[in-house]
Amino acid sequence: MILKRLKLNTTLGEPTNCYIIVDEETKETMVIDPASEVEKIEEMLEILQSKLKYIYLTHCHGDHTGAVMELKNKYGGKILIHRTESENINNPAVTLNYYIGMPDIELEADSRIDDEDTIHLGNLEFKVILTPGHTNGSTSLYCEKEQMLFSGDTLFRGTWGRTDLPTGSIVDIMDSITNKLLTLPEDTIVYPGHGKSTMIKEEKPIYLELKQRDF
């Protein structure tokens, strides 16, 4: 497995983490949250000689979806998003594109995914985990073989995603984190939508023991 993280700048000010995952044998590739700066994504895809199979969106906010259509129009690939979030993706009141100064996009998912669905990328297998709270259709993506979790804006290093935005819920995000993500193996590496990576065992004390993390 090849994993690349691109820090893509948006009008939000804080870079969004875009992840490129490649199965080394087949070169099948998945791009997670192509936020902006499509030329950076394209350059990496060319370097890796990859075959874009999926564009995976952890949620619908504009700072995670800005380069989706440019990427799809050039390389193809199926757009995957949770069934609930597919209803939000063209709703400006939820995507908040106008709020962060990004243009609206018209986007239609190729496949609407559900909780516990399995996505295959060459020899790699990923499990969809519905993790509402940041939005009501937010998902995380877990690869057991590689012990990796892509958590979108649900779980960050030392904190959690905002819940004061449309369809957000502090009750839901705490339930998602404590009952779905922190139950994963402790050595699982967490790759969030913004900021640095972390591990499940590093985040557990914050939620289960109410201990502040040392940065």
N, C-alpha and C. Protein backbone atom coordinates (compact mmCIF):
# COMPACT_ATOMS: atom_id res chain seq x y z
N MET A 1 0.83 -1.20 0.00
CA MET A 1 0.00 0.00 0.00
C MET A 1 0.87 1.25 0.00
N ILE A 2 0.49 2.20 -0.83
CA ILE A 2 1.14 3.51 -0.84
C ILE A 2 0.14 4.53 -0.32
N LEU A 3 0.57 5.35 0.63
CA LEU A 3 -0.28 6.39 1.18
C LEU A 3 0.44 7.73 1.09
N LYS A 4 -0.23 8.71 0.50
CA LYS A 4 0.30 10.06 0.41
C LYS A 4 -0.70 11.03 1.00
N ARG A 5 -0.21 11.98 1.78
CA ARG A 5 -1.05 13.04 2.31
C ARG A 5 -0.68 14.35 1.65
N LEU A 6 -1.69 15.03 1.11
CA LEU A 6 -1.49 16.35 0.54
C LEU A 6 -2.22 17.37 1.41
N LYS A 7 -1.52 18.41 1.80
CA LYS A 7 -2.14 19.49 2.56
C LYS A 7 -2.60 20.55 1.57
N LEU A 8 -3.89 20.62 1.36
CA LEU A 8 -4.45 21.48 0.33
C LEU A 8 -5.05 22.73 0.95
N ASN A 9 -4.70 23.87 0.39
CA ASN A 9 -5.17 25.14 0.92
C ASN A 9 -6.54 25.49 0.34
N THR A 10 -7.43 25.92 1.22
CA THR A 10 -8.74 26.40 0.81
C THR A 10 -8.93 27.80 1.38
N THR A 11 -10.05 28.40 1.08
CA THR A 11 -10.34 29.74 1.60
C THR A 11 -10.60 29.72 3.10
N LEU A 12 -10.72 28.53 3.67
CA LEU A 12 -10.97 28.42 5.11
C LEU A 12 -9.78 28.86 5.93
N GLY A 13 -8.58 28.77 5.34
CA GLY A 13 -7.37 29.18 6.04
C GLY A 13 -6.57 28.01 6.58
N GLU A 14 -7.24 26.99 7.08
CA GLU A 14 -6.56 25.79 7.58
C GLU A 14 -6.53 24.75 6.48
N PRO A 15 -5.34 24.20 6.16
CA PRO A 15 -5.26 23.20 5.09
C PRO A 15 -6.13 21.98 5.38
N THR A 16 -6.67 21.42 4.33
CA THR A 16 -7.41 20.17 4.43
C THR A 16 -6.50 19.03 4.00
N ASN A 17 -6.52 17.94 4.74
CA ASN A 17 -5.74 16.76 4.39
C ASN A 17 -6.48 15.96 3.32
N CYS A 18 -5.84 15.82 2.18
CA CYS A 18 -6.33 14.95 1.12
C CYS A 18 -5.41 13.73 1.08
N TYR A 19 -6.00 12.54 1.10
CA TYR A 19 -5.20 11.31 1.12
C TYR A 19 -5.34 10.56 -0.20
N ILE A 20 -4.20 10.10 -0.69
CA ILE A 20 -4.16 9.28 -1.90
C ILE A 20 -3.67 7.90 -1.52
N ILE A 21 -4.50 6.89 -1.77
CA ILE A 21 -4.18 5.51 -1.40
C ILE A 21 -4.05 4.70 -2.68
N VAL A 22 -2.95 3.97 -2.81
CA VAL A 22 -2.69 3.17 -4.00
C VAL A 22 -2.39 1.73 -3.61
N ASP A 23 -3.06 0.79 -4.24
CA ASP A 23 -2.69 -0.61 -4.11
C ASP A 23 -1.48 -0.85 -5.01
N GLU A 24 -0.37 -1.25 -4.42
CA GLU A 24 0.89 -1.32 -5.16
C GLU A 24 0.86 -2.32 -6.32
N GLU A 25 0.10 -3.40 -6.17
CA GLU A 25 0.09 -4.42 -7.21
C GLU A 25 -0.73 -4.01 -8.43
N THR A 26 -1.94 -3.49 -8.18
CA THR A 26 -2.86 -3.18 -9.28
C THR A 26 -2.82 -1.72 -9.71
N LYS A 27 -2.25 -0.86 -8.85
CA LYS A 27 -2.22 0.59 -9.07
C LYS A 27 -3.60 1.23 -8.94
N GLU A 28 -4.61 0.45 -8.51
CA GLU A 28 -5.91 1.05 -8.25
C GLU A 28 -5.78 2.07 -7.12
N THR A 29 -6.46 3.18 -7.28
CA THR A 29 -6.23 4.33 -6.40
C THR A 29 -7.55 4.92 -5.91
N MET A 30 -7.50 5.40 -4.66
CA MET A 30 -8.62 6.13 -4.09
C MET A 30 -8.11 7.46 -3.56
N VAL A 31 -8.82 8.53 -3.86
CA VAL A 31 -8.52 9.85 -3.33
C VAL A 31 -9.60 10.20 -2.31
N ILE A 32 -9.17 10.53 -1.11
CA ILE A 32 -10.10 10.91 -0.05
C ILE A 32 -10.09 12.42 0.13
N ASP A 33 -11.25 13.03 0.00
CA ASP A 33 -11.46 14.47 0.24
C ASP A 33 -10.56 15.37 -0.60
N PRO A 34 -10.76 15.39 -1.92
CA PRO A 34 -9.99 16.31 -2.77
C PRO A 34 -10.52 17.74 -2.60
N ALA A 35 -9.91 18.49 -1.71
CA ALA A 35 -10.47 19.75 -1.23
C ALA A 35 -10.31 20.90 -2.20
N SER A 36 -9.18 20.97 -2.88
CA SER A 36 -8.85 22.12 -3.73
C SER A 36 -7.53 21.81 -4.44
N GLU A 37 -6.94 22.82 -5.08
CA GLU A 37 -5.61 22.69 -5.70
C GLU A 37 -5.48 21.37 -6.47
N VAL A 38 -6.40 21.19 -7.41
CA VAL A 38 -6.47 19.92 -8.14
C VAL A 38 -5.15 19.58 -8.82
N GLU A 39 -4.36 20.59 -9.19
CA GLU A 39 -3.09 20.33 -9.88
C GLU A 39 -2.13 19.54 -8.99
N LYS A 40 -2.17 19.75 -7.69
CA LYS A 40 -1.31 18.99 -6.77
C LYS A 40 -1.73 17.53 -6.75
N ILE A 41 -3.02 17.29 -6.76
CA ILE A 41 -3.53 15.92 -6.77
C ILE A 41 -3.15 15.24 -8.07
N GLU A 42 -3.35 15.94 -9.17
CA GLU A 42 -3.04 15.37 -10.49
C GLU A 42 -1.56 15.04 -10.61
N GLU A 43 -0.71 15.92 -10.10
CA GLU A 43 0.73 15.68 -10.16
C GLU A 43 1.10 14.41 -9.42
N MET A 44 0.51 14.21 -8.24
CA MET A 44 0.82 13.02 -7.46
C MET A 44 0.27 11.76 -8.14
N LEU A 45 -0.90 11.84 -8.72
CA LEU A 45 -1.44 10.69 -9.43
C LEU A 45 -0.55 10.29 -10.60
N GLU A 46 -0.01 11.27 -11.28
CA GLU A 46 0.88 10.98 -12.41
C GLU A 46 2.19 10.36 -11.92
N ILE A 47 2.74 10.89 -10.84
CA ILE A 47 3.99 10.35 -10.28
C ILE A 47 3.81 8.89 -9.89
N LEU A 48 2.66 8.59 -9.29
CA LEU A 48 2.40 7.24 -8.81
C LEU A 48 1.91 6.30 -9.91
N GLN A 49 1.67 6.85 -11.10
CA GLN A 49 1.16 6.07 -12.24
C GLN A 49 -0.10 5.30 -11.82
N SER A 50 -0.97 6.01 -11.17
CA SER A 50 -2.12 5.37 -10.55
C SER A 50 -3.33 5.34 -11.47
N LYS A 51 -4.26 4.44 -11.13
CA LYS A 51 -5.53 4.30 -11.84
C LYS A 51 -6.64 4.68 -10.87
N LEU A 52 -7.20 5.86 -11.06
CA LEU A 52 -8.18 6.35 -10.11
C LEU A 52 -9.47 5.55 -10.19
N LYS A 53 -9.81 4.91 -9.10
CA LYS A 53 -11.01 4.09 -9.04
C LYS A 53 -12.12 4.77 -8.25
N TYR A 54 -11.74 5.39 -7.11
CA TYR A 54 -12.73 6.00 -6.24
C TYR A 54 -12.31 7.40 -5.79
N ILE A 55 -13.29 8.27 -5.66
CA ILE A 55 -13.14 9.54 -4.97
C ILE A 55 -14.07 9.47 -3.77
N TYR A 56 -13.48 9.40 -2.59
CA TYR A 56 -14.26 9.16 -1.37
C TYR A 56 -14.40 10.47 -0.59
N LEU A 57 -15.64 10.81 -0.26
CA LEU A 57 -15.90 12.04 0.50
C LEU A 57 -16.38 11.67 1.90
N THR A 58 -15.62 12.11 2.90
CA THR A 58 -16.00 11.81 4.29
C THR A 58 -17.23 12.60 4.72
N HIS A 59 -17.42 13.78 4.13
CA HIS A 59 -18.62 14.58 4.35
C HIS A 59 -18.71 15.66 3.29
N CYS A 60 -19.75 16.49 3.36
CA CYS A 60 -20.10 17.34 2.23
C CYS A 60 -19.55 18.76 2.29
N HIS A 61 -18.85 19.15 3.34
CA HIS A 61 -18.43 20.55 3.46
C HIS A 61 -17.51 20.97 2.31
N GLY A 62 -17.64 22.23 1.93
CA GLY A 62 -16.92 22.74 0.77
C GLY A 62 -15.42 22.66 0.87
N ASP A 63 -14.87 22.68 2.09
CA ASP A 63 -13.42 22.60 2.23
C ASP A 63 -12.91 21.17 2.10
N HIS A 64 -13.78 20.23 1.71
CA HIS A 64 -13.37 18.85 1.47
C HIS A 64 -13.74 18.39 0.06
N THR A 65 -14.45 19.23 -0.69
CA THR A 65 -15.00 18.78 -1.98
C THR A 65 -14.66 19.67 -3.16
N GLY A 66 -13.86 20.70 -2.96
CA GLY A 66 -13.65 21.72 -3.98
C GLY A 66 -13.09 21.23 -5.30
N ALA A 67 -12.31 20.15 -5.30
CA ALA A 67 -11.66 19.69 -6.54
C ALA A 67 -12.29 18.41 -7.08
N VAL A 68 -13.42 18.01 -6.54
CA VAL A 68 -14.03 16.73 -6.92
C VAL A 68 -14.31 16.64 -8.41
N MET A 69 -15.04 17.60 -8.94
CA MET A 69 -15.49 17.50 -10.32
C MET A 69 -14.35 17.63 -11.31
N GLU A 70 -13.39 18.50 -11.03
CA GLU A 70 -12.22 18.61 -11.91
C GLU A 70 -11.47 17.29 -11.97
N LEU A 71 -11.34 16.65 -10.81
CA LEU A 71 -10.63 15.38 -10.74
C LEU A 71 -11.39 14.29 -11.49
N LYS A 72 -12.68 14.23 -11.28
CA LYS A 72 -13.48 13.20 -11.94
C LYS A 72 -13.52 13.41 -13.45
N ASN A 73 -13.65 14.64 -13.88
CA ASN A 73 -13.74 14.92 -15.31
C ASN A 73 -12.47 14.53 -16.05
N LYS A 74 -11.32 14.57 -15.36
CA LYS A 74 -10.07 14.24 -16.03
C LYS A 74 -9.71 12.76 -15.91
N TYR A 75 -9.97 12.16 -14.73
CA TYR A 75 -9.50 10.80 -14.49
C TYR A 75 -10.61 9.77 -14.33
N GLY A 76 -11.85 10.22 -14.29
CA GLY A 76 -12.92 9.27 -14.01
C GLY A 76 -12.93 8.94 -12.53
N GLY A 77 -13.32 7.74 -12.19
CA GLY A 77 -13.41 7.33 -10.80
C GLY A 77 -14.80 7.58 -10.26
N LYS A 78 -15.27 6.68 -9.42
CA LYS A 78 -16.61 6.80 -8.85
C LYS A 78 -16.58 7.65 -7.58
N ILE A 79 -17.53 8.57 -7.49
CA ILE A 79 -17.67 9.39 -6.29
C ILE A 79 -18.49 8.61 -5.27
N LEU A 80 -17.91 8.40 -4.10
CA LEU A 80 -18.56 7.66 -3.02
C LEU A 80 -18.85 8.60 -1.86
N ILE A 81 -20.07 8.58 -1.36
CA ILE A 81 -20.45 9.39 -0.21
C ILE A 81 -21.62 8.69 0.48
N HIS A 82 -21.76 8.90 1.77
CA HIS A 82 -22.84 8.24 2.50
C HIS A 82 -24.20 8.67 1.98
N ARG A 83 -25.14 7.77 2.09
CA ARG A 83 -26.49 8.00 1.57
C ARG A 83 -27.11 9.29 2.12
N THR A 84 -26.99 9.49 3.43
CA THR A 84 -27.52 10.72 4.03
C THR A 84 -26.80 11.95 3.51
N GLU A 85 -25.50 11.87 3.41
CA GLU A 85 -24.70 13.02 3.00
C GLU A 85 -24.91 13.34 1.52
N SER A 86 -25.32 12.37 0.74
CA SER A 86 -25.60 12.62 -0.68
C SER A 86 -26.79 13.56 -0.83
N GLU A 87 -27.64 13.63 0.18
CA GLU A 87 -28.77 14.56 0.16
C GLU A 87 -28.33 15.96 0.57
N ASN A 88 -27.20 16.04 1.28
CA ASN A 88 -26.69 17.34 1.74
C ASN A 88 -25.77 18.01 0.73
N ILE A 89 -25.18 17.22 -0.17
CA ILE A 89 -24.05 17.69 -0.96
C ILE A 89 -24.40 18.86 -1.88
N ASN A 90 -25.65 18.98 -2.27
CA ASN A 90 -26.06 20.10 -3.13
C ASN A 90 -26.93 21.11 -2.40
N ASN A 91 -26.85 21.08 -1.07
CA ASN A 91 -27.61 22.02 -0.25
C ASN A 91 -26.64 23.05 0.33
N PRO A 92 -26.63 24.27 -0.19
CA PRO A 92 -25.67 25.28 0.28
C PRO A 92 -25.76 25.56 1.78
N ALA A 93 -26.93 25.34 2.36
CA ALA A 93 -27.09 25.58 3.79
C ALA A 93 -26.30 24.58 4.62
N VAL A 94 -25.95 23.44 4.02
CA VAL A 94 -25.19 22.41 4.73
C VAL A 94 -23.73 22.39 4.27
N THR A 95 -23.49 22.54 2.98
CA THR A 95 -22.11 22.50 2.48
C THR A 95 -21.30 23.70 2.93
N LEU A 96 -21.99 24.85 3.13
CA LEU A 96 -21.37 26.08 3.62
C LEU A 96 -20.33 26.65 2.65
N ASN A 97 -20.43 26.31 1.39
CA ASN A 97 -19.50 26.86 0.40
C ASN A 97 -19.49 28.39 0.43
N TYR A 98 -20.69 28.97 0.47
CA TYR A 98 -20.79 30.43 0.48
C TYR A 98 -20.15 31.02 1.72
N TYR A 99 -20.26 30.32 2.84
CA TYR A 99 -19.76 30.81 4.12
C TYR A 99 -18.24 30.88 4.12
N ILE A 100 -17.60 29.92 3.47
CA ILE A 100 -16.13 29.90 3.47
C ILE A 100 -15.56 30.46 2.16
N GLY A 101 -16.44 31.01 1.32
CA GLY A 101 -15.98 31.68 0.12
C GLY A 101 -15.55 30.77 -1.00
N MET A 102 -16.15 29.57 -1.07
CA MET A 102 -15.84 28.64 -2.16
C MET A 102 -17.05 28.52 -3.08
N PRO A 103 -16.83 28.34 -4.37
CA PRO A 103 -17.96 28.26 -5.30
C PRO A 103 -18.81 27.02 -5.07
N ASP A 104 -20.10 27.15 -5.31
CA ASP A 104 -20.98 25.98 -5.22
C ASP A 104 -20.66 25.01 -6.35
N ILE A 105 -20.85 23.74 -6.09
CA ILE A 105 -20.66 22.73 -7.12
C ILE A 105 -21.91 21.87 -7.21
N GLU A 106 -22.19 21.39 -8.41
CA GLU A 106 -23.28 20.44 -8.59
C GLU A 106 -22.66 19.06 -8.69
N LEU A 107 -23.02 18.21 -7.77
CA LEU A 107 -22.32 16.93 -7.64
C LEU A 107 -23.33 15.82 -7.44
N GLU A 108 -23.17 14.76 -8.17
CA GLU A 108 -24.02 13.59 -8.02
C GLU A 108 -23.15 12.39 -7.69
N ALA A 109 -23.45 11.74 -6.59
CA ALA A 109 -22.67 10.56 -6.19
C ALA A 109 -22.89 9.42 -7.18
N ASP A 110 -21.83 8.69 -7.47
CA ASP A 110 -21.95 7.50 -8.30
C ASP A 110 -22.45 6.32 -7.49
N SER A 111 -22.06 6.28 -6.21
CA SER A 111 -22.52 5.22 -5.31
C SER A 111 -22.78 5.82 -3.94
N ARG A 112 -23.94 5.51 -3.38
CA ARG A 112 -24.28 5.96 -2.04
C ARG A 112 -23.97 4.83 -1.08
N ILE A 113 -23.06 5.10 -0.19
CA ILE A 113 -22.58 4.04 0.71
C ILE A 113 -23.34 4.08 2.03
N ASP A 114 -23.28 2.97 2.74
CA ASP A 114 -23.96 2.83 4.02
C ASP A 114 -22.99 2.31 5.07
N ASP A 115 -23.39 2.42 6.32
CA ASP A 115 -22.60 1.94 7.44
C ASP A 115 -22.26 0.46 7.24
N GLU A 116 -20.99 0.14 7.46
CA GLU A 116 -20.45 -1.23 7.39
C GLU A 116 -20.32 -1.75 5.96
N ASP A 117 -20.52 -0.90 4.97
CA ASP A 117 -20.19 -1.31 3.60
C ASP A 117 -18.70 -1.57 3.48
N THR A 118 -18.32 -2.39 2.52
CA THR A 118 -16.91 -2.70 2.28
C THR A 118 -16.51 -2.17 0.91
N ILE A 119 -15.37 -1.50 0.87
CA ILE A 119 -14.83 -0.97 -0.37
C ILE A 119 -13.53 -1.69 -0.68
N HIS A 120 -13.40 -2.21 -1.88
CA HIS A 120 -12.20 -2.93 -2.29
C HIS A 120 -11.38 -2.10 -3.28
N LEU A 121 -10.12 -2.03 -2.99
CA LEU A 121 -9.17 -1.31 -3.83
C LEU A 121 -7.99 -2.24 -4.08
N GLY A 122 -8.01 -2.91 -5.22
CA GLY A 122 -7.00 -3.94 -5.44
C GLY A 122 -7.09 -4.99 -4.35
N ASN A 123 -5.99 -5.20 -3.63
CA ASN A 123 -5.97 -6.17 -2.55
C ASN A 123 -6.30 -5.56 -1.19
N LEU A 124 -6.66 -4.31 -1.18
CA LEU A 124 -6.97 -3.61 0.06
C LEU A 124 -8.48 -3.61 0.30
N GLU A 125 -8.85 -3.67 1.57
CA GLU A 125 -10.26 -3.65 1.93
C GLU A 125 -10.50 -2.58 2.99
N PHE A 126 -11.53 -1.77 2.78
CA PHE A 126 -11.86 -0.69 3.70
C PHE A 126 -13.31 -0.85 4.16
N LYS A 127 -13.52 -0.58 5.43
CA LYS A 127 -14.87 -0.65 6.00
C LYS A 127 -15.38 0.76 6.25
N VAL A 128 -16.60 1.02 5.81
CA VAL A 128 -17.25 2.30 6.05
C VAL A 128 -17.85 2.30 7.46
N ILE A 129 -17.55 3.35 8.22
CA ILE A 129 -18.11 3.51 9.56
C ILE A 129 -18.89 4.82 9.59
N LEU A 130 -20.19 4.74 9.78
CA LEU A 130 -21.00 5.95 9.89
C LEU A 130 -20.69 6.63 11.22
N THR A 131 -20.21 7.86 11.15
CA THR A 131 -19.81 8.59 12.36
C THR A 131 -20.46 9.98 12.37
N PRO A 132 -21.77 10.05 12.55
CA PRO A 132 -22.44 11.35 12.55
C PRO A 132 -22.01 12.22 13.72
N GLY A 133 -22.22 13.51 13.56
CA GLY A 133 -21.87 14.45 14.62
C GLY A 133 -21.35 15.75 14.05
N HIS A 134 -20.34 15.67 13.20
CA HIS A 134 -19.87 16.86 12.49
C HIS A 134 -20.93 17.25 11.45
N THR A 135 -21.39 16.27 10.70
CA THR A 135 -22.63 16.34 9.93
C THR A 135 -23.37 15.03 10.17
N ASN A 136 -24.63 14.98 9.77
CA ASN A 136 -25.40 13.76 10.08
C ASN A 136 -25.06 12.60 9.17
N GLY A 137 -24.28 12.85 8.10
CA GLY A 137 -23.88 11.76 7.21
C GLY A 137 -22.38 11.57 7.14
N SER A 138 -21.64 12.09 8.12
CA SER A 138 -20.18 11.93 8.12
C SER A 138 -19.80 10.47 8.28
N THR A 139 -18.73 10.07 7.59
CA THR A 139 -18.23 8.71 7.73
C THR A 139 -16.73 8.71 7.96
N SER A 140 -16.26 7.60 8.52
CA SER A 140 -14.84 7.31 8.62
C SER A 140 -14.57 6.04 7.82
N LEU A 141 -13.32 5.84 7.44
CA LEU A 141 -12.95 4.70 6.60
C LEU A 141 -11.82 3.94 7.27
N TYR A 142 -12.03 2.66 7.51
CA TYR A 142 -11.08 1.85 8.28
C TYR A 142 -10.50 0.71 7.45
N CYS A 143 -9.17 0.59 7.48
CA CYS A 143 -8.47 -0.52 6.83
C CYS A 143 -7.82 -1.36 7.92
N GLU A 144 -8.40 -2.51 8.20
CA GLU A 144 -7.90 -3.37 9.28
C GLU A 144 -6.50 -3.89 8.97
N LYS A 145 -6.27 -4.29 7.73
CA LYS A 145 -4.98 -4.86 7.34
C LYS A 145 -3.83 -3.90 7.61
N GLU A 146 -4.04 -2.64 7.28
CA GLU A 146 -2.99 -1.63 7.44
C GLU A 146 -3.10 -0.86 8.75
N GLN A 147 -4.11 -1.18 9.55
CA GLN A 147 -4.35 -0.51 10.83
C GLN A 147 -4.41 1.01 10.66
N MET A 148 -5.28 1.44 9.75
CA MET A 148 -5.43 2.86 9.44
C MET A 148 -6.89 3.26 9.49
N LEU A 149 -7.15 4.45 10.02
CA LEU A 149 -8.48 5.02 10.05
C LEU A 149 -8.43 6.43 9.47
N PHE A 150 -9.28 6.70 8.51
CA PHE A 150 -9.42 8.03 7.94
C PHE A 150 -10.70 8.62 8.52
N SER A 151 -10.54 9.59 9.42
CA SER A 151 -11.65 10.00 10.29
C SER A 151 -12.37 11.26 9.84
N GLY A 152 -11.98 11.84 8.69
CA GLY A 152 -12.64 13.06 8.27
C GLY A 152 -12.55 14.13 9.34
N ASP A 153 -13.66 14.81 9.60
CA ASP A 153 -13.67 15.84 10.64
C ASP A 153 -14.38 15.36 11.90
N THR A 154 -14.37 14.05 12.12
CA THR A 154 -14.97 13.50 13.34
C THR A 154 -13.96 13.50 14.48
N LEU A 155 -12.83 12.87 14.28
CA LEU A 155 -11.81 12.75 15.34
C LEU A 155 -10.50 13.36 14.89
N PHE A 156 -10.00 14.31 15.69
CA PHE A 156 -8.72 14.94 15.44
C PHE A 156 -7.73 14.58 16.54
N ARG A 157 -6.49 14.97 16.34
CA ARG A 157 -5.48 14.81 17.37
C ARG A 157 -5.83 15.71 18.56
N GLY A 158 -6.26 15.11 19.64
CA GLY A 158 -6.54 15.84 20.86
C GLY A 158 -7.89 16.50 20.95
N THR A 159 -8.73 16.33 19.96
CA THR A 159 -10.05 16.98 20.01
C THR A 159 -10.99 16.33 19.00
N TRP A 160 -12.16 16.94 18.81
CA TRP A 160 -13.16 16.41 17.90
C TRP A 160 -13.63 17.52 16.97
N GLY A 161 -14.40 17.15 15.97
CA GLY A 161 -14.86 18.11 14.98
C GLY A 161 -15.96 19.03 15.50
N ARG A 162 -16.13 20.14 14.82
CA ARG A 162 -17.18 21.09 15.20
C ARG A 162 -18.56 20.45 15.10
N THR A 163 -19.43 20.84 16.03
CA THR A 163 -20.80 20.30 16.03
C THR A 163 -21.84 21.42 15.99
N ASP A 164 -21.39 22.66 15.79
CA ASP A 164 -22.30 23.80 15.80
C ASP A 164 -22.73 24.21 14.39
N LEU A 165 -22.47 23.37 13.42
CA LEU A 165 -22.83 23.64 12.03
C LEU A 165 -24.10 22.86 11.67
N PRO A 166 -24.78 23.20 10.57
CA PRO A 166 -26.01 22.50 10.20
C PRO A 166 -25.86 20.99 10.16
N THR A 167 -26.78 20.29 10.76
CA THR A 167 -26.89 18.83 10.94
C THR A 167 -25.88 18.28 11.93
N GLY A 168 -25.09 19.14 12.59
CA GLY A 168 -24.12 18.68 13.58
C GLY A 168 -24.78 18.38 14.92
N SER A 169 -24.10 17.58 15.74
CA SER A 169 -24.65 17.21 17.05
C SER A 169 -23.52 16.77 17.97
N ILE A 170 -23.38 17.43 19.12
CA ILE A 170 -22.35 17.04 20.08
C ILE A 170 -22.65 15.66 20.66
N VAL A 171 -23.90 15.34 20.85
CA VAL A 171 -24.27 14.02 21.37
C VAL A 171 -23.87 12.93 20.38
N ASP A 172 -24.18 13.19 19.10
CA ASP A 172 -23.86 12.18 18.07
C ASP A 172 -22.36 12.00 17.90
N ILE A 173 -21.59 13.09 17.92
CA ILE A 173 -20.16 12.94 17.67
C ILE A 173 -19.48 12.22 18.82
N MET A 174 -19.92 12.47 20.05
CA MET A 174 -19.35 11.75 21.18
C MET A 174 -19.69 10.27 21.12
N ASP A 175 -20.91 9.97 20.70
CA ASP A 175 -21.29 8.57 20.54
C ASP A 175 -20.48 7.91 19.43
N SER A 176 -20.27 8.63 18.33
CA SER A 176 -19.49 8.07 17.22
C SER A 176 -18.06 7.77 17.65
N ILE A 177 -17.47 8.70 18.39
CA ILE A 177 -16.07 8.54 18.79
C ILE A 177 -15.92 7.44 19.83
N THR A 178 -16.73 7.50 20.88
CA THR A 178 -16.53 6.55 21.99
C THR A 178 -17.00 5.14 21.67
N ASN A 179 -18.08 5.01 20.90
CA ASN A 179 -18.67 3.70 20.67
C ASN A 179 -18.31 3.07 19.33
N LYS A 180 -17.73 3.87 18.41
CA LYS A 180 -17.37 3.30 17.12
C LYS A 180 -15.87 3.38 16.82
N LEU A 181 -15.25 4.50 17.12
CA LEU A 181 -13.83 4.66 16.76
C LEU A 181 -12.89 4.20 17.87
N LEU A 182 -13.18 4.51 19.11
CA LEU A 182 -12.27 4.12 20.19
C LEU A 182 -12.33 2.63 20.50
N THR A 183 -13.25 1.92 19.88
CA THR A 183 -13.32 0.46 20.04
C THR A 183 -12.41 -0.25 19.04
N LEU A 184 -11.82 0.49 18.12
CA LEU A 184 -10.87 -0.10 17.17
C LEU A 184 -9.57 -0.43 17.90
N PRO A 185 -8.72 -1.30 17.32
CA PRO A 185 -7.45 -1.65 17.97
C PRO A 185 -6.63 -0.40 18.32
N GLU A 186 -6.00 -0.44 19.48
CA GLU A 186 -5.31 0.74 20.01
C GLU A 186 -4.19 1.24 19.12
N ASP A 187 -3.56 0.35 18.35
CA ASP A 187 -2.45 0.75 17.49
C ASP A 187 -2.91 1.31 16.14
N THR A 188 -4.22 1.47 15.98
CA THR A 188 -4.73 2.05 14.74
C THR A 188 -4.26 3.49 14.60
N ILE A 189 -3.70 3.82 13.44
CA ILE A 189 -3.28 5.19 13.15
C ILE A 189 -4.47 5.96 12.60
N VAL A 190 -4.70 7.15 13.15
CA VAL A 190 -5.83 7.98 12.75
C VAL A 190 -5.33 9.11 11.85
N TYR A 191 -5.89 9.17 10.65
CA TYR A 191 -5.56 10.23 9.70
C TYR A 191 -6.78 11.15 9.57
N PRO A 192 -6.75 12.32 10.18
CA PRO A 192 -7.92 13.20 10.20
C PRO A 192 -7.99 14.13 9.00
N GLY A 193 -9.11 14.85 8.91
CA GLY A 193 -9.32 15.78 7.81
C GLY A 193 -8.48 17.03 7.88
N HIS A 194 -7.99 17.36 9.06
CA HIS A 194 -7.12 18.52 9.26
C HIS A 194 -6.10 18.16 10.34
N GLY A 195 -4.93 18.75 10.24
CA GLY A 195 -3.94 18.58 11.29
C GLY A 195 -3.17 17.28 11.24
N LYS A 196 -2.49 16.99 12.35
CA LYS A 196 -1.59 15.85 12.43
C LYS A 196 -2.32 14.54 12.70
N SER A 197 -1.65 13.45 12.34
CA SER A 197 -2.19 12.12 12.63
C SER A 197 -2.02 11.81 14.11
N THR A 198 -2.70 10.76 14.55
CA THR A 198 -2.61 10.34 15.94
C THR A 198 -2.86 8.83 15.98
N MET A 199 -3.09 8.27 17.15
CA MET A 199 -3.41 6.86 17.29
C MET A 199 -4.58 6.71 18.25
N ILE A 200 -5.32 5.67 18.08
CA ILE A 200 -6.48 5.43 18.94
C ILE A 200 -6.07 5.42 20.41
N LYS A 201 -4.96 4.77 20.73
CA LYS A 201 -4.56 4.68 22.14
C LYS A 201 -4.19 6.03 22.72
N GLU A 202 -3.80 6.98 21.88
CA GLU A 202 -3.47 8.32 22.36
C GLU A 202 -4.72 9.15 22.65
N GLU A 203 -5.80 8.83 21.98
CA GLU A 203 -7.02 9.61 22.12
C GLU A 203 -7.98 9.05 23.17
N LYS A 204 -7.87 7.79 23.49
CA LYS A 204 -8.79 7.16 24.44
C LYS A 204 -8.90 7.89 25.77
N PRO A 205 -7.77 8.27 26.40
CA PRO A 205 -7.87 8.91 27.72
C PRO A 205 -8.69 10.20 27.72
N ILE A 206 -8.71 10.90 26.59
CA ILE A 206 -9.46 12.16 26.52
C ILE A 206 -10.94 11.91 26.72
N TYR A 207 -11.45 10.82 26.17
CA TYR A 207 -12.88 10.56 26.20
C TYR A 207 -13.28 9.60 27.31
N LEU A 208 -12.41 8.66 27.60
CA LEU A 208 -12.77 7.62 28.57
C LEU A 208 -12.31 7.95 29.99
N GLU A 209 -11.26 8.77 30.10
CA GLU A 209 -10.74 9.11 31.42
C GLU A 209 -10.73 10.60 31.67
N LEU A 210 -11.21 11.39 30.69
CA LEU A 210 -11.28 12.85 30.79
C LEU A 210 -9.93 13.46 31.11
N LYS A 211 -8.90 12.94 30.43
CA LYS A 211 -7.54 13.48 30.62
C LYS A 211 -7.14 14.30 29.41
N GLN A 212 -6.54 15.46 29.65
CA GLN A 212 -6.07 16.30 28.56
C GLN A 212 -4.82 15.71 27.95
N ARG A 213 -4.74 15.80 26.64
CA ARG A 213 -3.57 15.26 25.95
C ARG A 213 -2.42 16.25 25.99
N ASP A 214 -1.20 15.72 26.17
CA ASP A 214 0.01 16.55 26.07
C ASP A 214 0.40 16.65 24.62
N PHE A 215 0.47 17.87 24.09
CA PHE A 215 0.86 18.09 22.69
C PHE A 215 2.32 18.27 22.65
